[in-house]
């Protein structure tokens, strides 16, 4: 289970942040999972269980962050569209 003397907490942190992002944390937990996952990928050998945890957490963070940004853009466009309609259709 990993190399001896290595600290195994960061792969778990990345995985938990990715899971929390999927469960509703959005980019608040997805972005740190993505960034920490990128940093931790270099520290673990390919094929180890820690590498797999980091990779899974990182991918979940990527998906959540990208979907959150898309949802934010759509929500902003909708808000500005509705706000623009209300503002410009008001009697003067």
Protein backbone atom coordinates (compact mmCIF):
# COMPACT_ATOMS: atom_id res chain seq x y z
CA UNK A 1 0.00 0.00 0.00
CA UNK A 2 2.14 2.84 -1.25
CA UNK A 3 5.73 3.54 -0.52
CA UNK A 4 6.97 3.26 3.02
CA UNK A 5 7.33 6.50 4.88
CA UNK A 6 5.03 8.42 2.51
CA UNK A 7 2.12 10.47 3.75
CA UNK A 8 -1.07 8.98 2.33
CA UNK A 9 -3.46 11.73 3.40
CA UNK A 10 -3.37 13.91 0.27
CA UNK A 11 -4.79 11.23 -2.08
CA UNK A 12 -7.65 10.75 0.39
CA UNK A 13 -8.21 14.53 0.59
CA UNK A 14 -8.33 14.80 -3.21
CA UNK A 15 -10.78 11.91 -3.43
CA UNK A 16 -13.03 13.30 -0.68
CA UNK A 17 -13.05 16.78 -2.27
CA UNK A 18 -14.03 15.22 -5.59
CA UNK A 19 -16.84 13.24 -3.95
CA UNK A 20 -18.11 16.33 -2.10
CA UNK A 21 -18.07 18.20 -5.39
CA UNK A 22 -20.23 15.54 -7.03
CA UNK A 23 -22.62 15.57 -4.05
CA UNK A 24 -23.29 19.28 -4.40
CA UNK A 25 -20.17 21.19 -3.44
CA UNK A 26 -19.78 22.42 -7.00
CA UNK A 27 -16.62 24.22 -7.92
CA UNK A 28 -16.04 25.15 -4.26
CA UNK A 29 -14.71 21.64 -3.67
CA UNK A 30 -14.26 20.57 -7.30
CA UNK A 31 -11.61 23.14 -8.14
CA UNK A 32 -9.38 22.27 -5.15
CA UNK A 33 -9.74 18.57 -6.03
CA UNK A 34 -8.62 19.33 -9.57
CA UNK A 35 -5.68 21.53 -8.55
CA UNK A 36 -4.48 19.31 -5.69
CA UNK A 37 -4.91 16.28 -7.92
CA UNK A 38 -2.65 17.81 -10.55
CA UNK A 39 -0.01 18.53 -7.92
CA UNK A 40 -0.24 15.05 -6.38
CA UNK A 41 -0.10 13.12 -9.66
CA UNK A 42 3.67 13.63 -9.74
CA UNK A 43 4.18 12.21 -6.26
CA UNK A 44 2.82 8.72 -6.80
CA UNK A 45 3.85 5.83 -9.02
CA UNK A 46 1.47 4.94 -11.84
CA UNK A 47 -0.64 1.95 -10.83
CA UNK A 48 -0.49 2.42 -7.06
CA UNK A 49 -3.72 2.74 -5.09
CA UNK A 50 -2.80 6.31 -4.10
CA UNK A 51 -2.31 7.26 -7.75
CA UNK A 52 -5.72 5.80 -8.55
CA UNK A 53 -7.39 7.75 -5.72
CA UNK A 54 -5.76 10.97 -6.88
CA UNK A 55 -6.75 10.31 -10.48
CA UNK A 56 -10.38 9.57 -9.60
CA UNK A 57 -10.65 12.63 -7.33
CA UNK A 58 -8.99 14.82 -9.97
CA UNK A 59 -11.36 13.65 -12.72
CA UNK A 60 -14.40 14.21 -10.49
CA UNK A 61 -13.08 17.68 -9.68
CA UNK A 62 -12.63 18.44 -13.37
CA UNK A 63 -16.13 17.30 -14.28
CA UNK A 64 -17.76 19.17 -11.40
CA UNK A 65 -15.82 22.37 -12.05
CA UNK A 66 -16.56 22.39 -15.78
CA UNK A 67 -20.26 21.63 -15.23
CA UNK A 68 -20.46 24.31 -12.51
CA UNK A 69 -18.94 26.93 -14.79
CA UNK A 70 -21.33 25.97 -17.61
CA UNK A 71 -24.31 26.14 -15.21
CA UNK A 72 -23.11 29.50 -13.88
CA UNK A 73 -22.81 30.90 -17.42
CA UNK A 74 -26.27 29.63 -18.38
CA UNK A 75 -27.74 31.03 -15.17
CA UNK A 76 -26.04 34.37 -15.74
CA UNK A 77 -27.27 34.55 -19.33
CA UNK A 78 -30.78 33.65 -18.21
CA UNK A 79 -30.68 36.24 -15.42
CA UNK A 80 -29.37 38.96 -17.74
CA UNK A 81 -31.86 37.98 -20.41
CA UNK A 82 -34.85 38.11 -18.07
CA UNK A 83 -33.51 41.25 -16.41
CA UNK A 84 -33.02 42.88 -19.79
CA UNK A 85 -36.54 42.00 -20.85
CA UNK A 86 -38.01 43.44 -17.67
CA UNK A 87 -35.87 46.57 -17.85
CA UNK A 88 -36.50 47.32 -21.50
CA UNK A 89 -40.20 46.39 -21.49
CA UNK A 90 -41.08 48.60 -18.53
CA UNK A 91 -43.23 51.59 -19.47
CA UNK A 92 -41.34 54.88 -19.52
